[in-house]
Amino acid sequence: MSTTEPTSLLAYFAAHAPNQPESWFEPAMDHLLFPAAPEETLAVKQAKEAEEEDNLNWMPGREPNIHPEARAILDAHATALEAWEKDVERIKAERAKYRYFAWRWYYAEQMVKANPNTPWDGAL
């Protein structure tokens, strides 16, 4: 037997599981929770209002006139939102990978359980 062949019936079924998980299959992913979005504080809301008010008074040739502290608050909030969005995308990718591999072992376990002639102790 070559080293690439499965060493057990369970490994065989995992290796030959359908490529795409069934739509109903959602394994527990408590270790891959989505982070909370950055909170929109009162300071951020006030800075947004100041920016909107400044935009309403816009005229051609006029430079934006928002207070530097308000601009800094908005920039910091935008940076936090960008970091949060990257975290969410990373977690989505990790959840997709986890679901794919968990599916293979779930399928294998169900196939082994379905054969009444196979001794099964319930452990993977």
N, C-alpha and C. Protein backbone atom coordinates (compact mmCIF):
# COMPACT_ATOMS: atom_id res chain seq x y z
N MET A 1 0.85 -1.18 0.00
CA MET A 1 0.00 0.00 0.00
C MET A 1 0.89 1.24 0.00
N SER A 2 0.56 2.23 -0.85
CA SER A 2 1.36 3.45 -0.90
C SER A 2 0.99 4.36 0.28
N THR A 3 1.83 5.35 0.52
CA THR A 3 1.59 6.24 1.65
C THR A 3 0.48 7.24 1.37
N THR A 4 -0.01 7.31 0.14
CA THR A 4 -1.08 8.25 -0.17
C THR A 4 -2.46 7.63 -0.02
N GLU A 5 -2.54 6.33 0.21
CA GLU A 5 -3.83 5.68 0.36
C GLU A 5 -4.35 5.88 1.78
N PRO A 6 -5.67 6.02 1.93
CA PRO A 6 -6.23 6.15 3.28
C PRO A 6 -5.92 4.90 4.11
N THR A 7 -5.71 5.11 5.39
CA THR A 7 -5.34 4.01 6.27
C THR A 7 -6.53 3.43 7.01
N SER A 8 -7.70 3.99 6.85
CA SER A 8 -8.90 3.45 7.50
C SER A 8 -10.10 3.72 6.62
N LEU A 9 -11.18 3.04 6.94
CA LEU A 9 -12.42 3.26 6.20
C LEU A 9 -12.90 4.70 6.36
N LEU A 10 -12.74 5.24 7.55
CA LEU A 10 -13.14 6.62 7.80
C LEU A 10 -12.34 7.58 6.93
N ALA A 11 -11.02 7.38 6.87
CA ALA A 11 -10.18 8.23 6.03
C ALA A 11 -10.53 8.07 4.56
N TYR A 12 -10.87 6.86 4.17
CA TYR A 12 -11.26 6.61 2.78
C TYR A 12 -12.50 7.43 2.42
N PHE A 13 -13.53 7.34 3.28
CA PHE A 13 -14.75 8.09 2.99
C PHE A 13 -14.52 9.60 3.04
N ALA A 14 -13.68 10.05 3.94
CA ALA A 14 -13.37 11.49 4.00
C ALA A 14 -12.68 11.94 2.72
N ALA A 15 -11.78 11.10 2.23
CA ALA A 15 -11.06 11.44 0.99
C ALA A 15 -11.98 11.43 -0.23
N HIS A 16 -13.07 10.66 -0.16
CA HIS A 16 -13.96 10.52 -1.30
C HIS A 16 -15.33 11.18 -1.07
N ALA A 17 -15.40 12.07 -0.13
CA ALA A 17 -16.65 12.78 0.14
C ALA A 17 -17.00 13.69 -1.03
N PRO A 18 -18.28 13.99 -1.21
CA PRO A 18 -18.65 14.96 -2.26
C PRO A 18 -17.87 16.26 -2.05
N ASN A 19 -17.46 16.84 -3.14
CA ASN A 19 -16.58 18.01 -3.08
C ASN A 19 -17.23 19.21 -2.39
N GLN A 20 -18.50 19.43 -2.65
CA GLN A 20 -19.18 20.59 -2.06
C GLN A 20 -20.07 20.14 -0.90
N PRO A 21 -19.96 20.82 0.24
CA PRO A 21 -20.84 20.48 1.36
C PRO A 21 -22.30 20.72 0.99
N GLU A 22 -23.17 19.93 1.57
CA GLU A 22 -24.61 20.13 1.36
C GLU A 22 -25.01 21.50 1.92
N SER A 23 -26.04 22.09 1.35
CA SER A 23 -26.47 23.43 1.77
C SER A 23 -26.93 23.46 3.23
N TRP A 24 -27.44 22.35 3.73
CA TRP A 24 -27.95 22.29 5.10
C TRP A 24 -26.83 22.09 6.13
N PHE A 25 -25.63 21.77 5.67
CA PHE A 25 -24.54 21.45 6.60
C PHE A 25 -23.90 22.73 7.13
N GLU A 26 -24.06 22.96 8.42
CA GLU A 26 -23.44 24.11 9.09
C GLU A 26 -22.82 23.64 10.40
N PRO A 27 -21.53 23.35 10.40
CA PRO A 27 -20.90 22.89 11.64
C PRO A 27 -20.81 24.03 12.65
N ALA A 28 -20.68 23.66 13.91
CA ALA A 28 -20.50 24.67 14.96
C ALA A 28 -19.15 25.36 14.73
N MET A 29 -19.19 26.67 14.72
CA MET A 29 -17.96 27.45 14.50
C MET A 29 -17.80 28.50 15.58
N ASP A 30 -17.94 28.07 16.82
CA ASP A 30 -17.83 29.01 17.94
C ASP A 30 -16.44 29.64 18.02
N HIS A 31 -15.46 28.98 17.47
CA HIS A 31 -14.10 29.51 17.50
C HIS A 31 -13.84 30.50 16.36
N LEU A 32 -14.81 30.68 15.47
CA LEU A 32 -14.67 31.60 14.34
C LEU A 32 -15.82 32.61 14.32
N LEU A 33 -15.98 33.32 15.39
CA LEU A 33 -17.06 34.31 15.49
C LEU A 33 -16.65 35.61 14.81
N PHE A 34 -17.64 36.31 14.30
CA PHE A 34 -17.39 37.60 13.67
C PHE A 34 -17.17 38.67 14.73
N PRO A 35 -16.22 39.58 14.50
CA PRO A 35 -16.00 40.65 15.46
C PRO A 35 -17.13 41.68 15.39
N ALA A 36 -17.32 42.39 16.48
CA ALA A 36 -18.33 43.45 16.51
C ALA A 36 -17.82 44.64 15.69
N ALA A 37 -18.74 45.29 15.02
CA ALA A 37 -18.38 46.48 14.24
C ALA A 37 -17.98 47.61 15.20
N PRO A 38 -17.09 48.49 14.73
CA PRO A 38 -16.72 49.63 15.58
C PRO A 38 -17.96 50.46 15.91
N GLU A 39 -18.04 50.87 17.14
CA GLU A 39 -19.20 51.63 17.59
C GLU A 39 -19.14 53.06 17.06
N GLU A 40 -20.29 53.55 16.65
CA GLU A 40 -20.36 54.94 16.21
C GLU A 40 -20.67 55.79 17.44
N THR A 41 -19.63 56.37 17.99
CA THR A 41 -19.77 57.14 19.23
C THR A 41 -20.43 58.49 18.96
N LEU A 42 -20.73 59.17 20.03
CA LEU A 42 -21.31 60.51 19.92
C LEU A 42 -20.35 61.44 19.17
N ALA A 43 -19.06 61.31 19.45
CA ALA A 43 -18.07 62.16 18.77
C ALA A 43 -18.09 61.91 17.26
N VAL A 44 -18.23 60.66 16.86
CA VAL A 44 -18.27 60.33 15.43
C VAL A 44 -19.54 60.91 14.81
N LYS A 45 -20.67 60.76 15.50
CA LYS A 45 -21.93 61.30 14.98
C LYS A 45 -21.84 62.82 14.83
N GLN A 46 -21.27 63.47 15.82
CA GLN A 46 -21.15 64.93 15.74
C GLN A 46 -20.22 65.34 14.62
N ALA A 47 -19.13 64.60 14.43
CA ALA A 47 -18.19 64.91 13.35
C ALA A 47 -18.86 64.72 11.99
N LYS A 48 -19.68 63.67 11.86
CA LYS A 48 -20.41 63.44 10.60
C LYS A 48 -21.39 64.57 10.34
N GLU A 49 -22.08 65.02 11.39
CA GLU A 49 -23.02 66.13 11.23
C GLU A 49 -22.29 67.39 10.79
N ALA A 50 -21.13 67.65 11.38
CA ALA A 50 -20.35 68.83 11.00
C ALA A 50 -19.90 68.73 9.55
N GLU A 51 -19.51 67.53 9.13
CA GLU A 51 -19.08 67.35 7.74
C GLU A 51 -20.26 67.54 6.78
N GLU A 52 -21.43 66.99 7.14
CA GLU A 52 -22.62 67.15 6.30
C GLU A 52 -23.02 68.62 6.20
N GLU A 53 -22.95 69.32 7.31
CA GLU A 53 -23.29 70.74 7.31
C GLU A 53 -22.32 71.51 6.42
N ASP A 54 -21.04 71.17 6.51
CA ASP A 54 -20.04 71.83 5.67
C ASP A 54 -20.30 71.52 4.20
N ASN A 55 -20.71 70.28 3.89
CA ASN A 55 -21.00 69.92 2.51
C ASN A 55 -22.20 70.69 1.97
N LEU A 56 -23.18 70.98 2.84
CA LEU A 56 -24.35 71.76 2.40
C LEU A 56 -23.97 73.19 2.02
N ASN A 57 -22.91 73.70 2.62
CA ASN A 57 -22.47 75.07 2.35
C ASN A 57 -21.40 75.13 1.27
N TRP A 58 -21.22 74.05 0.57
CA TRP A 58 -20.15 73.99 -0.43
C TRP A 58 -20.47 74.90 -1.61
N MET A 59 -19.44 75.55 -2.10
CA MET A 59 -19.54 76.37 -3.31
C MET A 59 -18.28 76.12 -4.13
N PRO A 60 -18.35 76.30 -5.46
CA PRO A 60 -17.14 76.10 -6.28
C PRO A 60 -16.01 77.00 -5.79
N GLY A 61 -14.83 76.41 -5.71
CA GLY A 61 -13.65 77.17 -5.29
C GLY A 61 -13.48 77.25 -3.79
N ARG A 62 -14.44 76.77 -3.02
CA ARG A 62 -14.35 76.83 -1.56
C ARG A 62 -13.74 75.55 -1.02
N GLU A 63 -12.76 75.68 -0.17
CA GLU A 63 -12.13 74.51 0.46
C GLU A 63 -13.03 73.99 1.57
N PRO A 64 -12.98 72.68 1.83
CA PRO A 64 -13.76 72.15 2.95
C PRO A 64 -13.34 72.83 4.25
N ASN A 65 -14.31 73.08 5.10
CA ASN A 65 -14.03 73.81 6.33
C ASN A 65 -14.51 73.00 7.54
N ILE A 66 -13.94 71.81 7.71
CA ILE A 66 -14.30 70.99 8.85
C ILE A 66 -13.14 71.06 9.85
N HIS A 67 -13.49 71.13 11.10
CA HIS A 67 -12.48 71.26 12.16
C HIS A 67 -11.51 70.09 12.09
N PRO A 68 -10.20 70.33 12.29
CA PRO A 68 -9.21 69.25 12.22
C PRO A 68 -9.48 68.10 13.20
N GLU A 69 -10.01 68.42 14.38
CA GLU A 69 -10.31 67.35 15.34
C GLU A 69 -11.45 66.48 14.83
N ALA A 70 -12.45 67.10 14.20
CA ALA A 70 -13.56 66.33 13.62
C ALA A 70 -13.04 65.46 12.48
N ARG A 71 -12.15 66.01 11.66
CA ARG A 71 -11.56 65.24 10.56
C ARG A 71 -10.78 64.05 11.11
N ALA A 72 -10.03 64.26 12.19
CA ALA A 72 -9.25 63.18 12.79
C ALA A 72 -10.16 62.08 13.34
N ILE A 73 -11.28 62.47 13.94
CA ILE A 73 -12.24 61.50 14.47
C ILE A 73 -12.83 60.67 13.33
N LEU A 74 -13.21 61.34 12.24
CA LEU A 74 -13.78 60.63 11.09
C LEU A 74 -12.75 59.71 10.44
N ASP A 75 -11.52 60.17 10.35
CA ASP A 75 -10.46 59.33 9.76
C ASP A 75 -10.18 58.10 10.61
N ALA A 76 -10.15 58.29 11.92
CA ALA A 76 -9.90 57.16 12.83
C ALA A 76 -11.05 56.15 12.74
N HIS A 77 -12.29 56.65 12.66
CA HIS A 77 -13.44 55.75 12.55
C HIS A 77 -13.40 55.00 11.22
N ALA A 78 -13.04 55.68 10.15
CA ALA A 78 -12.95 55.04 8.83
C ALA A 78 -11.86 53.97 8.84
N THR A 79 -10.75 54.23 9.49
CA THR A 79 -9.67 53.25 9.60
C THR A 79 -10.14 52.03 10.39
N ALA A 80 -10.86 52.27 11.48
CA ALA A 80 -11.39 51.16 12.29
C ALA A 80 -12.39 50.33 11.48
N LEU A 81 -13.24 50.99 10.69
CA LEU A 81 -14.20 50.27 9.85
C LEU A 81 -13.49 49.42 8.79
N GLU A 82 -12.44 49.96 8.19
CA GLU A 82 -11.69 49.20 7.19
C GLU A 82 -11.04 47.97 7.82
N ALA A 83 -10.47 48.13 9.01
CA ALA A 83 -9.85 46.99 9.70
C ALA A 83 -10.90 45.95 10.05
N TRP A 84 -12.09 46.40 10.48
CA TRP A 84 -13.18 45.48 10.81
C TRP A 84 -13.63 44.72 9.57
N GLU A 85 -13.78 45.41 8.45
CA GLU A 85 -14.19 44.76 7.21
C GLU A 85 -13.18 43.70 6.77
N LYS A 86 -11.88 43.99 6.93
CA LYS A 86 -10.85 43.00 6.60
C LYS A 86 -10.96 41.79 7.52
N ASP A 87 -11.20 42.02 8.81
CA ASP A 87 -11.37 40.92 9.76
C ASP A 87 -12.57 40.06 9.38
N VAL A 88 -13.67 40.70 9.01
CA VAL A 88 -14.88 39.96 8.62
C VAL A 88 -14.59 39.11 7.38
N GLU A 89 -13.90 39.65 6.40
CA GLU A 89 -13.57 38.89 5.19
C GLU A 89 -12.65 37.72 5.52
N ARG A 90 -11.68 37.95 6.42
CA ARG A 90 -10.77 36.87 6.83
C ARG A 90 -11.54 35.76 7.53
N ILE A 91 -12.45 36.14 8.43
CA ILE A 91 -13.25 35.15 9.16
C ILE A 91 -14.16 34.38 8.18
N LYS A 92 -14.75 35.08 7.21
CA LYS A 92 -15.59 34.40 6.21
C LYS A 92 -14.79 33.34 5.47
N ALA A 93 -13.57 33.67 5.08
CA ALA A 93 -12.72 32.72 4.36
C ALA A 93 -12.36 31.53 5.25
N GLU A 94 -12.03 31.79 6.51
CA GLU A 94 -11.70 30.71 7.43
C GLU A 94 -12.91 29.82 7.70
N ARG A 95 -14.09 30.42 7.81
CA ARG A 95 -15.31 29.64 8.03
C ARG A 95 -15.60 28.75 6.83
N ALA A 96 -15.38 29.26 5.63
CA ALA A 96 -15.61 28.47 4.42
C ALA A 96 -14.65 27.27 4.38
N LYS A 97 -13.37 27.50 4.73
CA LYS A 97 -12.41 26.40 4.77
C LYS A 97 -12.80 25.37 5.83
N TYR A 98 -13.16 25.85 7.01
CA TYR A 98 -13.53 24.95 8.10
C TYR A 98 -14.75 24.11 7.70
N ARG A 99 -15.73 24.74 7.10
CA ARG A 99 -16.95 24.04 6.67
C ARG A 99 -16.60 22.96 5.65
N TYR A 100 -15.72 23.28 4.72
CA TYR A 100 -15.33 22.32 3.69
C TYR A 100 -14.70 21.07 4.32
N PHE A 101 -13.74 21.24 5.23
CA PHE A 101 -13.06 20.09 5.81
C PHE A 101 -13.93 19.38 6.84
N ALA A 102 -14.73 20.12 7.59
CA ALA A 102 -15.64 19.47 8.54
C ALA A 102 -16.66 18.61 7.80
N TRP A 103 -17.09 19.09 6.64
CA TRP A 103 -18.04 18.33 5.84
C TRP A 103 -17.47 16.97 5.48
N ARG A 104 -16.23 16.91 5.07
CA ARG A 104 -15.61 15.66 4.63
C ARG A 104 -15.63 14.63 5.76
N TRP A 105 -15.30 15.06 6.97
CA TRP A 105 -15.26 14.13 8.10
C TRP A 105 -16.67 13.78 8.58
N TYR A 106 -17.58 14.73 8.49
CA TYR A 106 -18.98 14.43 8.85
C TYR A 106 -19.53 13.37 7.89
N TYR A 107 -19.30 13.57 6.61
CA TYR A 107 -19.76 12.62 5.60
C TYR A 107 -19.18 11.24 5.87
N ALA A 108 -17.88 11.18 6.13
CA ALA A 108 -17.23 9.90 6.38
C ALA A 108 -17.83 9.21 7.60
N GLU A 109 -18.06 9.98 8.65
CA GLU A 109 -18.65 9.42 9.87
C GLU A 109 -20.03 8.84 9.58
N GLN A 110 -20.83 9.55 8.83
CA GLN A 110 -22.18 9.07 8.50
C GLN A 110 -22.13 7.81 7.62
N MET A 111 -21.18 7.75 6.71
CA MET A 111 -21.04 6.57 5.85
C MET A 111 -20.65 5.35 6.68
N VAL A 112 -19.73 5.51 7.60
CA VAL A 112 -19.30 4.39 8.44
C VAL A 112 -20.44 3.96 9.35
N LYS A 113 -21.17 4.91 9.92
CA LYS A 113 -22.30 4.59 10.79
C LYS A 113 -23.40 3.86 10.01
N ALA A 114 -23.54 4.15 8.74
CA ALA A 114 -24.62 3.57 7.94
C ALA A 114 -24.40 2.08 7.66
N ASN A 115 -23.18 1.60 7.78
CA ASN A 115 -22.88 0.20 7.52
C ASN A 115 -23.00 -0.58 8.84
N PRO A 116 -24.01 -1.41 9.00
CA PRO A 116 -24.20 -2.12 10.27
C PRO A 116 -23.11 -3.15 10.54
N ASN A 117 -22.33 -3.53 9.54
CA ASN A 117 -21.27 -4.52 9.74
C ASN A 117 -19.94 -3.91 10.16
N THR A 118 -19.89 -2.58 10.24
CA THR A 118 -18.65 -1.91 10.62
C THR A 118 -18.69 -1.58 12.10
N PRO A 119 -17.73 -2.05 12.87
CA PRO A 119 -17.70 -1.66 14.28
C PRO A 119 -17.43 -0.16 14.39
N TRP A 120 -18.20 0.50 15.19
CA TRP A 120 -18.07 1.96 15.30
C TRP A 120 -18.16 2.36 16.75
N ASP A 121 -17.12 3.02 17.22
CA ASP A 121 -17.11 3.43 18.62
C ASP A 121 -17.48 4.91 18.77
N GLY A 122 -17.74 5.59 17.66
CA GLY A 122 -18.17 7.00 17.73
C GLY A 122 -17.03 7.98 17.74
N ALA A 123 -15.78 7.52 17.79
CA ALA A 123 -14.64 8.44 17.83
C ALA A 123 -14.09 8.60 16.42
N LEU A 124 -13.59 9.80 16.16
CA LEU A 124 -12.96 10.03 14.87
C LEU A 124 -11.51 9.70 14.97
